[in-house]
């Protein structure tokens, strides 16, 4: 919980401090890279850490992740320019790529299926608390102290997390076999995955979709990822074993994760924008409107364990997916004259549905494999969610810009400057896309088996 808290707070604390950072360091046109470079580094490193955790153990990889995150935080706090801050955010992202999946893997290692139901709720509560603590700390530090403290605050939390891991987590790996590291697969996945995510995140923003830059980046990504698949077929110990793609449980869990990532990025990007630019709320109120989703999620996650133990995984996840569809319906009913409470209520319902869908899918995936492959499986699930977020950025951005272009005659990379009368229908069409993703989520979870035979614990 301490380690995950580092990543959870970082996800919300920086957004409120961006104006202060830009005022101090400059580089307004570069600040989106503060988020993009972090997400890129986190996403492409997740599967690699997952495999290394299976080979070398969870503890050293988790400590490495916490160490990199704290190092990146210290360097960010002393950054002297926007390019330097972006580079140091890369280091933070590499640390986050270890913390989140390995934290979930450790839970799968040391708790039974019944115990994990409660523990998943504890982990989800970290995100719920952070959704309020992060924006509050970001605002306080920016207004009254210095934006640099949004990074320095990670130091005591990271030190505490490392101390608890060293003192309290006694890991018995047992397997003393000398493992082969799949360097070729790791490099191809890291570079190919980075180019794919970069093309999806920045296409239509930094460059046009039909531009030479976009075509070259996406084509190179496809070539490298095809080469990655060919290498993995022959590798003795592949970074991402292809059997992960051939199991029903894992396919359902990873498909759900991809769609959940897509939904989350759509909400986190466009709900605050709609609240501010169309409903006329402040940035703080807009942030708390979105926080309603991250409040509903841990509530449902803490209840989901009791439900899937009684009625099964598929039934619980289907219930959650249907609730997401209902929440998406509420979102579609939001208009320029609606109350911000209506928007928050829709986000809360969607959060409830995601809590019932996401947490059981991870537990099901982890329970279907043994210790030696649990890290890979968890990493693949987290990577699927990251890819979903990147696809969501590209898809929803294209939808919003198409509506804006049809009404104003050109596209706008900065949608906050678009008139409310044009922005409202543009974001509404994004909500239609989110509703379609919710329906697909129902289809994805229906493939999940209802009961799964739990593999024995390692400890």
Protein backbone atom coordinates (compact mmCIF):
# COMPACT_ATOMS: atom_id res chain seq x y z
CA UNK A 1 0.00 0.00 0.00
CA UNK A 2 2.89 2.37 0.75
CA UNK A 3 4.56 1.60 -2.57
CA UNK A 4 1.35 1.84 -4.59
CA UNK A 5 0.64 5.13 -2.81
CA UNK A 6 3.68 6.62 -4.57
CA UNK A 7 2.19 5.92 -7.99
CA UNK A 8 -1.38 6.75 -6.99
CA UNK A 9 -0.60 10.20 -5.60
CA UNK A 10 1.64 11.02 -8.55
CA UNK A 11 -1.25 10.28 -10.92
CA UNK A 12 -3.23 13.25 -9.56
CA UNK A 13 -0.84 15.63 -7.83
CA UNK A 14 1.01 17.00 -10.88
CA UNK A 15 -2.01 18.08 -12.93
CA UNK A 16 -2.99 20.86 -10.50
CA UNK A 17 0.57 22.21 -10.42
CA UNK A 18 1.14 22.51 -14.19
CA UNK A 19 0.46 26.30 -14.31
CA UNK A 20 3.05 26.90 -11.58
CA UNK A 21 5.60 24.63 -13.28
CA UNK A 22 5.14 26.39 -16.63
CA UNK A 23 5.35 29.83 -14.99
CA UNK A 24 8.67 28.88 -13.39
CA UNK A 25 10.38 26.80 -16.08
CA UNK A 26 8.59 27.92 -19.24
CA UNK A 27 8.00 25.41 -22.05
CA UNK A 28 4.21 25.60 -22.26
CA UNK A 29 4.16 23.65 -25.53
CA UNK A 30 6.29 20.90 -23.96
CA UNK A 31 4.40 20.30 -20.71
CA UNK A 32 2.13 17.52 -22.11
CA UNK A 33 5.31 15.45 -22.34
CA UNK A 34 5.49 15.48 -18.54
CA UNK A 35 2.62 13.00 -18.67
CA UNK A 36 3.34 11.25 -21.98
CA UNK A 37 6.97 10.32 -21.20
CA UNK A 38 5.96 8.98 -17.79
CA UNK A 39 3.18 6.82 -19.27
CA UNK A 40 5.46 5.56 -22.04
CA UNK A 41 8.21 4.52 -19.63
CA UNK A 42 5.74 2.91 -17.25
CA UNK A 43 3.85 1.00 -19.92
CA UNK A 44 6.76 -0.53 -21.82
CA UNK A 45 8.69 -1.51 -18.70
CA UNK A 46 5.79 -3.33 -16.99
CA UNK A 47 6.10 -6.65 -18.90
CA UNK A 48 9.88 -6.63 -18.47
CA UNK A 49 9.66 -6.14 -14.71
CA UNK A 50 7.00 -8.84 -14.55
CA UNK A 51 9.32 -11.39 -16.15
CA UNK A 52 12.32 -10.34 -14.02
CA UNK A 53 10.16 -10.65 -10.89
CA UNK A 54 9.45 -14.27 -11.85
CA UNK A 55 13.16 -14.93 -12.41
CA UNK A 56 14.82 -12.89 -9.65
CA UNK A 57 12.03 -12.50 -7.10
CA UNK A 58 9.52 -9.78 -6.27
CA UNK A 59 11.48 -8.07 -3.52
CA UNK A 60 14.55 -6.89 -5.48
CA UNK A 61 12.41 -5.68 -8.39
CA UNK A 62 10.04 -3.82 -6.07
CA UNK A 63 12.95 -2.17 -4.25
CA UNK A 64 14.46 -1.22 -7.62
CA UNK A 65 11.15 0.35 -8.66
CA UNK A 66 10.79 2.33 -5.42
CA UNK A 67 14.43 3.44 -5.67
CA UNK A 68 14.05 4.65 -9.27
CA UNK A 69 10.81 6.44 -8.43
CA UNK A 70 12.35 8.27 -5.46
CA UNK A 71 15.50 9.10 -7.46
CA UNK A 72 13.35 10.49 -10.27
CA UNK A 73 11.32 12.49 -7.74
CA UNK A 74 14.43 14.08 -6.22
CA UNK A 75 15.79 14.99 -9.65
CA UNK A 76 12.38 16.40 -10.71
CA UNK A 77 12.36 18.56 -7.60
CA UNK A 78 15.70 20.10 -8.61
CA UNK A 79 14.90 20.37 -12.35
CA UNK A 80 16.23 23.59 -13.91
CA UNK A 81 14.32 23.47 -17.21
CA UNK A 82 11.32 21.80 -18.81
CA UNK A 83 13.46 19.37 -20.89
CA UNK A 84 15.30 18.33 -17.70
CA UNK A 85 12.02 17.81 -15.86
CA UNK A 86 10.71 15.69 -18.73
CA UNK A 87 13.88 13.56 -18.67
CA UNK A 88 13.57 13.02 -14.92
CA UNK A 89 9.90 12.08 -15.32
CA UNK A 90 11.18 9.25 -17.53
CA UNK A 91 13.09 7.87 -14.53
CA UNK A 92 9.97 8.15 -12.39
CA UNK A 93 8.00 6.24 -15.02
CA UNK A 94 10.56 3.43 -15.06
CA UNK A 95 10.10 3.11 -11.29
CA UNK A 96 6.32 3.13 -11.56
CA UNK A 97 6.53 0.35 -14.14
CA UNK A 98 7.79 -1.97 -11.39
CA UNK A 99 5.74 -0.78 -8.43
CA UNK A 100 2.17 -1.28 -9.60
CA UNK A 101 2.31 -4.76 -11.20
CA UNK A 102 4.75 -6.25 -8.69
CA UNK A 103 2.70 -4.88 -5.80
CA UNK A 104 -0.32 -6.72 -7.17
CA UNK A 105 1.81 -9.83 -7.79
CA UNK A 106 2.98 -9.87 -4.17
CA UNK A 107 -0.65 -9.80 -3.05
CA UNK A 108 -1.29 -12.80 -5.29
CA UNK A 109 1.69 -14.59 -3.74
CA UNK A 110 0.97 -14.22 -0.04
CA UNK A 111 -2.84 -14.26 0.23
CA UNK A 112 -5.34 -16.95 -0.60
CA UNK A 113 -8.22 -16.31 -2.98
CA UNK A 114 -10.55 -15.58 -0.07
CA UNK A 115 -8.05 -13.29 1.68
CA UNK A 116 -7.24 -11.48 -1.55
CA UNK A 117 -10.83 -10.33 -1.82
CA UNK A 118 -10.35 -8.08 1.21
CA UNK A 119 -6.77 -7.07 0.39
CA UNK A 120 -7.72 -5.90 -3.11
CA UNK A 121 -10.13 -3.52 -1.41
CA UNK A 122 -7.28 -2.15 0.71
CA UNK A 123 -5.16 -1.52 -2.38
CA UNK A 124 -8.08 0.09 -4.19
CA UNK A 125 -8.63 2.38 -1.20
CA UNK A 126 -5.15 3.80 -1.77
CA UNK A 127 -6.31 5.11 -5.14
CA UNK A 128 -9.52 6.45 -3.64
CA UNK A 129 -7.65 8.36 -0.93
CA UNK A 130 -5.08 9.62 -3.43
CA UNK A 131 -7.79 11.02 -5.69
CA UNK A 132 -8.50 13.58 -2.96
CA UNK A 133 -5.07 13.92 -1.33
CA UNK A 134 -3.21 14.38 -4.65
CA UNK A 135 -5.09 17.43 -6.03
CA UNK A 136 -5.22 19.00 -2.55
CA UNK A 137 -1.47 18.67 -1.97
CA UNK A 138 -0.74 19.84 -5.51
CA UNK A 139 -2.81 22.97 -4.99
CA UNK A 140 -1.37 23.74 -1.55
CA UNK A 141 2.25 23.25 -2.62
CA UNK A 142 1.79 25.31 -5.80
CA UNK A 143 -0.03 28.19 -4.11
CA UNK A 144 1.75 28.44 -0.77
CA UNK A 145 5.16 26.70 -0.89
CA UNK A 146 6.65 25.57 -4.22
CA UNK A 147 5.62 23.18 -6.97
CA UNK A 148 8.91 21.34 -6.34
CA UNK A 149 7.46 19.86 -3.15
CA UNK A 150 4.97 17.79 -5.16
CA UNK A 151 8.04 15.66 -5.95
CA UNK A 152 9.90 15.97 -2.65
CA UNK A 153 6.84 14.63 -0.79
CA UNK A 154 7.58 11.24 -2.38
CA UNK A 155 10.87 10.91 -0.47
CA UNK A 156 9.52 10.01 3.01
CA UNK A 157 6.81 7.80 1.52
CA UNK A 158 9.34 5.96 -0.64
CA UNK A 159 11.78 5.52 2.25
CA UNK A 160 8.97 4.12 4.42
CA UNK A 161 7.90 1.71 1.66
CA UNK A 162 11.48 0.46 1.15
CA UNK A 163 12.03 0.05 4.91
CA UNK A 164 8.88 -2.05 5.32
CA UNK A 165 9.79 -4.20 2.30
CA UNK A 166 13.30 -4.84 3.63
CA UNK A 167 12.22 -5.54 7.20
CA UNK A 168 8.88 -7.32 6.77
CA UNK A 169 8.76 -9.06 3.39
CA UNK A 170 10.58 -12.39 3.70
CA UNK A 171 10.69 -13.89 0.22
CA UNK A 172 11.72 -17.49 -0.40
CA UNK A 173 12.39 -17.90 -4.10
CA UNK A 174 13.52 -21.50 -3.81
CA UNK A 175 14.43 -21.91 -7.48
CA UNK A 176 18.22 -21.46 -7.77
CA UNK A 177 18.30 -22.16 -11.53
CA UNK A 178 20.44 -19.76 -13.53
CA UNK A 179 17.93 -18.02 -15.77
CA UNK A 180 18.51 -16.68 -19.26
CA UNK A 181 17.47 -13.07 -19.77
CA UNK A 182 15.73 -12.41 -23.07
CA UNK A 183 17.65 -9.25 -23.99
CA UNK A 184 16.52 -9.24 -27.63
CA UNK A 185 12.86 -9.59 -26.67
CA UNK A 186 13.15 -6.90 -24.00
CA UNK A 187 14.73 -4.40 -26.41
CA UNK A 188 12.26 -5.10 -29.21
CA UNK A 189 9.30 -4.81 -26.84
CA UNK A 190 10.60 -1.63 -25.22
CA UNK A 191 11.39 0.16 -28.50
CA UNK A 192 8.44 -1.19 -30.49
CA UNK A 193 6.00 -0.59 -27.64
CA UNK A 194 7.33 2.92 -27.10
CA UNK A 195 6.91 3.81 -30.78
CA UNK A 196 3.40 2.36 -30.85
CA UNK A 197 2.30 4.27 -27.76
CA UNK A 198 4.08 7.42 -28.96
CA UNK A 199 2.30 7.23 -32.31
CA UNK A 200 -1.07 6.76 -30.64
CA UNK A 201 -0.54 9.43 -27.97
CA UNK A 202 0.83 12.17 -30.24
CA UNK A 203 -0.89 11.36 -33.54
CA UNK A 204 -3.25 14.21 -34.37
CA UNK A 205 -1.61 16.34 -31.67
CA UNK A 206 2.10 16.82 -32.41
CA UNK A 207 1.68 15.75 -36.02
CA UNK A 208 -1.17 14.84 -38.39
CA UNK A 209 -2.25 11.23 -38.66
CA UNK A 210 -1.46 11.18 -42.37
CA UNK A 211 1.93 12.85 -42.02
CA UNK A 212 5.22 11.18 -42.87
CA UNK A 213 6.22 11.29 -39.19
CA UNK A 214 3.10 9.41 -38.10
CA UNK A 215 3.38 6.80 -40.83
CA UNK A 216 7.09 6.14 -40.16
CA UNK A 217 6.62 5.84 -36.38
CA UNK A 218 3.64 3.47 -36.58
CA UNK A 219 5.20 1.40 -39.38
CA UNK A 220 8.43 1.02 -37.40
CA UNK A 221 6.40 -0.01 -34.36
CA UNK A 222 4.60 -2.73 -36.32
CA UNK A 223 7.87 -4.08 -37.77
CA UNK A 224 9.57 -4.19 -34.36
CA UNK A 225 6.58 -5.83 -32.65
CA UNK A 226 6.34 -8.48 -35.38
CA UNK A 227 10.05 -9.12 -34.86
CA UNK A 228 9.37 -9.35 -31.12
CA UNK A 229 6.77 -12.09 -31.67
CA UNK A 230 9.21 -14.05 -33.86
CA UNK A 231 11.96 -13.75 -31.24
CA UNK A 232 9.62 -14.80 -28.42
CA UNK A 233 8.68 -17.97 -30.30
CA UNK A 234 12.30 -19.14 -30.11
CA UNK A 235 13.49 -17.62 -26.82
CA UNK A 236 14.32 -20.06 -24.01
CA UNK A 237 12.72 -17.78 -21.40
CA UNK A 238 10.71 -15.15 -23.29
CA UNK A 239 9.90 -11.79 -21.69
CA UNK A 240 6.25 -12.21 -22.70
CA UNK A 241 5.48 -15.89 -23.38
CA UNK A 242 3.03 -16.33 -26.24
CA UNK A 243 1.00 -18.83 -24.23
CA UNK A 244 -0.37 -15.80 -22.37
CA UNK A 245 -2.42 -15.14 -25.51
CA UNK A 246 -3.82 -18.65 -25.64
CA UNK A 247 -5.67 -19.03 -22.34
CA UNK A 248 -9.33 -18.17 -21.93
CA UNK A 249 -8.96 -16.64 -18.47
CA UNK A 250 -6.06 -14.43 -19.49
CA UNK A 251 -7.63 -13.36 -22.79
CA UNK A 252 -10.79 -12.28 -21.01
CA UNK A 253 -8.88 -10.48 -18.24
CA UNK A 254 -6.54 -8.69 -20.66
CA UNK A 255 -9.36 -7.69 -23.01
CA UNK A 256 -11.25 -6.26 -20.05
CA UNK A 257 -8.10 -4.42 -18.92
CA UNK A 258 -7.66 -2.87 -22.37
CA UNK A 259 -11.25 -1.61 -22.42
CA UNK A 260 -11.01 -0.36 -18.84
CA UNK A 261 -7.87 1.60 -19.79
CA UNK A 262 -9.73 3.09 -22.74
CA UNK A 263 -12.70 4.08 -20.56
CA UNK A 264 -10.55 5.58 -17.83
CA UNK A 265 -8.56 7.80 -20.19
CA UNK A 266 -11.76 9.00 -21.82
CA UNK A 267 -13.24 9.99 -18.48
CA UNK A 268 -10.08 11.43 -16.92
CA UNK A 269 -9.43 13.59 -20.00
CA UNK A 270 -12.88 14.82 -20.97
CA UNK A 271 -14.94 14.91 -17.76
CA UNK A 272 -12.86 17.70 -16.13
CA UNK A 273 -12.75 19.52 -19.49
CA UNK A 274 -16.54 19.37 -19.79
CA UNK A 275 -17.04 20.45 -16.19
CA UNK A 276 -14.80 23.49 -16.59
CA UNK A 277 -15.44 24.65 -20.14
CA UNK A 278 -19.12 23.74 -20.56
CA UNK A 279 -20.60 23.66 -17.05
CA UNK A 280 -18.40 26.56 -15.88
CA UNK A 281 -16.94 25.03 -12.72
CA UNK A 282 -13.51 25.74 -11.26
CA UNK A 283 -10.54 23.44 -11.88
CA UNK A 284 -10.79 22.15 -8.31
CA UNK A 285 -14.48 21.24 -8.64
CA UNK A 286 -13.78 19.61 -12.00
CA UNK A 287 -11.07 17.48 -10.37
CA UNK A 288 -13.37 16.36 -7.59
CA UNK A 289 -16.05 15.52 -10.17
CA UNK A 290 -13.69 12.99 -11.68
CA UNK A 291 -12.66 11.86 -8.19
CA UNK A 292 -16.19 10.48 -7.81
CA UNK A 293 -15.12 7.66 -10.12
CA UNK A 294 -12.05 6.82 -8.05
CA UNK A 295 -14.26 6.89 -4.96
CA UNK A 296 -16.73 4.39 -6.38
CA UNK A 297 -13.99 2.04 -7.55
CA UNK A 298 -12.52 1.07 -4.13
CA UNK A 299 -15.99 0.76 -2.60
CA UNK A 300 -16.95 -1.79 -5.24
CA UNK A 301 -13.54 -3.50 -5.18
CA UNK A 302 -13.83 -4.11 -1.44
CA UNK A 303 -17.27 -5.71 -1.95
CA UNK A 304 -16.39 -7.63 -5.11
CA UNK A 305 -14.38 -10.26 -3.24
CA UNK A 306 -17.33 -11.41 -1.18
CA UNK A 307 -19.49 -11.57 -4.29
CA UNK A 308 -17.16 -13.55 -6.59
CA UNK A 309 -16.50 -16.05 -3.81
CA UNK A 310 -20.24 -16.74 -3.72
CA UNK A 311 -21.46 -16.39 -7.31
CA UNK A 312 -18.25 -16.65 -9.35
CA UNK A 313 -15.94 -14.42 -11.36
CA UNK A 314 -17.94 -14.16 -14.59
CA UNK A 315 -21.16 -13.26 -12.78
CA UNK A 316 -19.44 -10.57 -10.69
CA UNK A 317 -17.59 -9.05 -13.64
CA UNK A 318 -20.71 -9.09 -15.80
CA UNK A 319 -22.60 -7.26 -13.07
CA UNK A 320 -19.84 -4.66 -13.00
CA UNK A 321 -19.79 -4.26 -16.78
CA UNK A 322 -23.57 -3.76 -16.85
CA UNK A 323 -23.23 -1.07 -14.17
CA UNK A 324 -20.59 0.63 -16.34
CA UNK A 325 -23.09 0.62 -19.23
CA UNK A 326 -25.71 2.21 -16.96
CA UNK A 327 -23.21 4.83 -15.81
CA UNK A 328 -22.34 5.56 -19.44
CA UNK A 329 -26.05 6.06 -20.09
CA UNK A 330 -26.17 8.63 -17.28
CA UNK A 331 -23.15 10.33 -18.83
CA UNK A 332 -24.93 10.60 -22.18
CA UNK A 333 -27.79 12.41 -20.45
CA UNK A 334 -25.46 15.20 -19.25
CA UNK A 335 -25.99 18.45 -21.16
CA UNK A 336 -24.89 22.11 -20.99
CA UNK A 337 -27.70 22.84 -18.54
CA UNK A 338 -26.98 19.86 -16.27
CA UNK A 339 -25.73 20.12 -12.73
CA UNK A 340 -22.14 19.16 -12.00
CA UNK A 341 -23.62 16.70 -9.50
CA UNK A 342 -25.22 14.84 -12.42
CA UNK A 343 -21.78 14.51 -14.03
CA UNK A 344 -20.23 13.37 -10.74
CA UNK A 345 -23.02 10.83 -10.20
CA UNK A 346 -22.39 9.28 -13.62
CA UNK A 347 -18.66 9.02 -12.82
CA UNK A 348 -19.45 7.45 -9.44
CA UNK A 349 -21.68 4.78 -11.02
CA UNK A 350 -19.03 4.01 -13.64
CA UNK A 351 -16.44 3.74 -10.86
CA UNK A 352 -18.67 1.22 -9.05
CA UNK A 353 -18.92 -0.84 -12.22
CA UNK A 354 -15.17 -0.74 -12.87
CA UNK A 355 -14.50 -1.84 -9.31
CA UNK A 356 -16.68 -4.92 -9.81
CA UNK A 357 -15.01 -5.66 -13.17
CA UNK A 358 -11.32 -4.79 -12.81
CA UNK A 359 -10.35 -6.25 -9.43
CA UNK A 360 -11.90 -9.72 -9.99
CA UNK A 361 -10.28 -9.95 -13.44
CA UNK A 362 -6.80 -9.47 -11.97
CA UNK A 363 -7.49 -11.95 -9.16
CA UNK A 364 -8.81 -14.50 -11.66
CA UNK A 365 -5.74 -14.15 -13.90
CA UNK A 366 -3.32 -14.50 -10.98
CA UNK A 367 -5.19 -17.47 -9.51
CA UNK A 368 -5.01 -19.40 -12.77
CA UNK A 369 -1.18 -19.59 -12.80
CA UNK A 370 1.58 -20.56 -10.38
CA UNK A 371 4.33 -18.45 -8.76
CA UNK A 372 6.79 -18.83 -11.63
CA UNK A 373 4.50 -17.07 -14.12
CA UNK A 374 2.36 -14.80 -11.91
CA UNK A 375 4.59 -11.78 -12.54
CA UNK A 376 4.35 -12.18 -16.31
CA UNK A 377 0.57 -12.54 -16.16
CA UNK A 378 0.14 -9.46 -13.96
CA UNK A 379 2.51 -7.46 -16.15
CA UNK A 380 0.60 -8.45 -19.28
CA UNK A 381 -2.65 -7.29 -17.66
CA UNK A 382 -1.19 -3.91 -16.71
CA UNK A 383 0.36 -3.52 -20.17
CA UNK A 384 -3.04 -4.20 -21.75
CA UNK A 385 -4.55 -1.39 -19.70
CA UNK A 386 -1.77 0.98 -20.79
CA UNK A 387 -2.32 0.10 -24.45
CA UNK A 388 -6.04 0.71 -23.93
CA UNK A 389 -5.29 4.16 -22.54
CA UNK A 390 -3.10 5.00 -25.54
CA UNK A 391 -5.77 3.78 -27.95
CA UNK A 392 -8.32 5.84 -26.02
CA UNK A 393 -6.22 9.00 -26.35
CA UNK A 394 -6.01 8.50 -30.12
CA UNK A 395 -9.62 7.43 -30.62
CA UNK A 396 -11.33 10.00 -28.43
CA UNK A 397 -9.01 12.78 -29.60
CA UNK A 398 -9.88 11.99 -33.22
CA UNK A 399 -13.61 12.01 -32.40
CA UNK A 400 -13.47 15.34 -30.56
CA UNK A 401 -11.31 17.01 -33.19
CA UNK A 402 -13.55 15.76 -36.01
CA UNK A 403 -16.59 17.43 -34.43
CA UNK A 404 -14.65 20.65 -33.78
CA UNK A 405 -13.30 20.69 -37.34
CA UNK A 406 -16.77 20.15 -38.82
CA UNK A 407 -18.12 23.14 -36.88
CA UNK A 408 -15.18 25.55 -36.98
CA UNK A 409 -13.43 24.45 -40.14
CA UNK A 410 -10.21 23.42 -38.39
CA UNK A 411 -9.04 21.20 -35.55
CA UNK A 412 -7.77 22.44 -32.18
CA UNK A 413 -5.10 20.62 -30.22
CA UNK A 414 -6.06 22.75 -27.19
CA UNK A 415 -9.74 21.96 -26.70
CA UNK A 416 -9.94 24.27 -23.68
CA UNK A 417 -9.91 27.23 -26.07
CA UNK A 418 -12.85 25.94 -28.11
CA UNK A 419 -16.19 27.73 -27.51
CA UNK A 420 -18.52 25.90 -25.12
CA UNK A 421 -21.20 25.60 -27.80
CA UNK A 422 -18.78 23.63 -29.98
CA UNK A 423 -17.01 21.72 -27.21
CA UNK A 424 -20.24 20.33 -25.71
CA UNK A 425 -21.24 18.21 -28.75
CA UNK A 426 -17.61 17.20 -29.32
CA UNK A 427 -17.26 15.77 -25.80
CA UNK A 428 -20.77 14.27 -26.03
CA UNK A 429 -19.61 12.22 -29.02
CA UNK A 430 -16.66 11.06 -26.90
CA UNK A 431 -19.19 9.86 -24.34
CA UNK A 432 -20.85 7.80 -27.08
CA UNK A 433 -17.46 6.18 -27.69
CA UNK A 434 -17.13 5.44 -23.98
CA UNK A 435 -20.60 3.87 -23.98
CA UNK A 436 -19.60 1.64 -26.91
CA UNK A 437 -16.48 0.56 -24.98
CA UNK A 438 -18.71 -0.27 -21.98
CA UNK A 439 -20.84 -2.56 -24.16
CA UNK A 440 -17.70 -4.27 -25.44
CA UNK A 441 -16.61 -4.73 -21.82
CA UNK A 442 -19.77 -6.77 -21.20
CA UNK A 443 -18.83 -9.02 -24.12
CA UNK A 444 -15.23 -9.40 -22.91
CA UNK A 445 -16.10 -10.49 -19.37
CA UNK A 446 -18.63 -13.06 -20.59
CA UNK A 447 -15.67 -15.17 -21.74
CA UNK A 448 -14.30 -15.39 -18.19
CA UNK A 449 -14.92 -18.78 -16.51
CA UNK A 450 -17.16 -18.53 -13.49
CA UNK A 451 -14.97 -20.69 -11.25
CA UNK A 452 -11.19 -21.01 -11.26
CA UNK A 453 -9.09 -23.64 -9.51
CA UNK A 454 -6.63 -21.75 -7.33
CA UNK A 455 -2.96 -22.68 -7.56
CA UNK A 456 -1.19 -23.28 -4.21
CA UNK A 457 0.54 -20.34 -2.52
CA UNK A 458 4.33 -20.14 -2.57
CA UNK A 459 4.74 -18.95 1.03
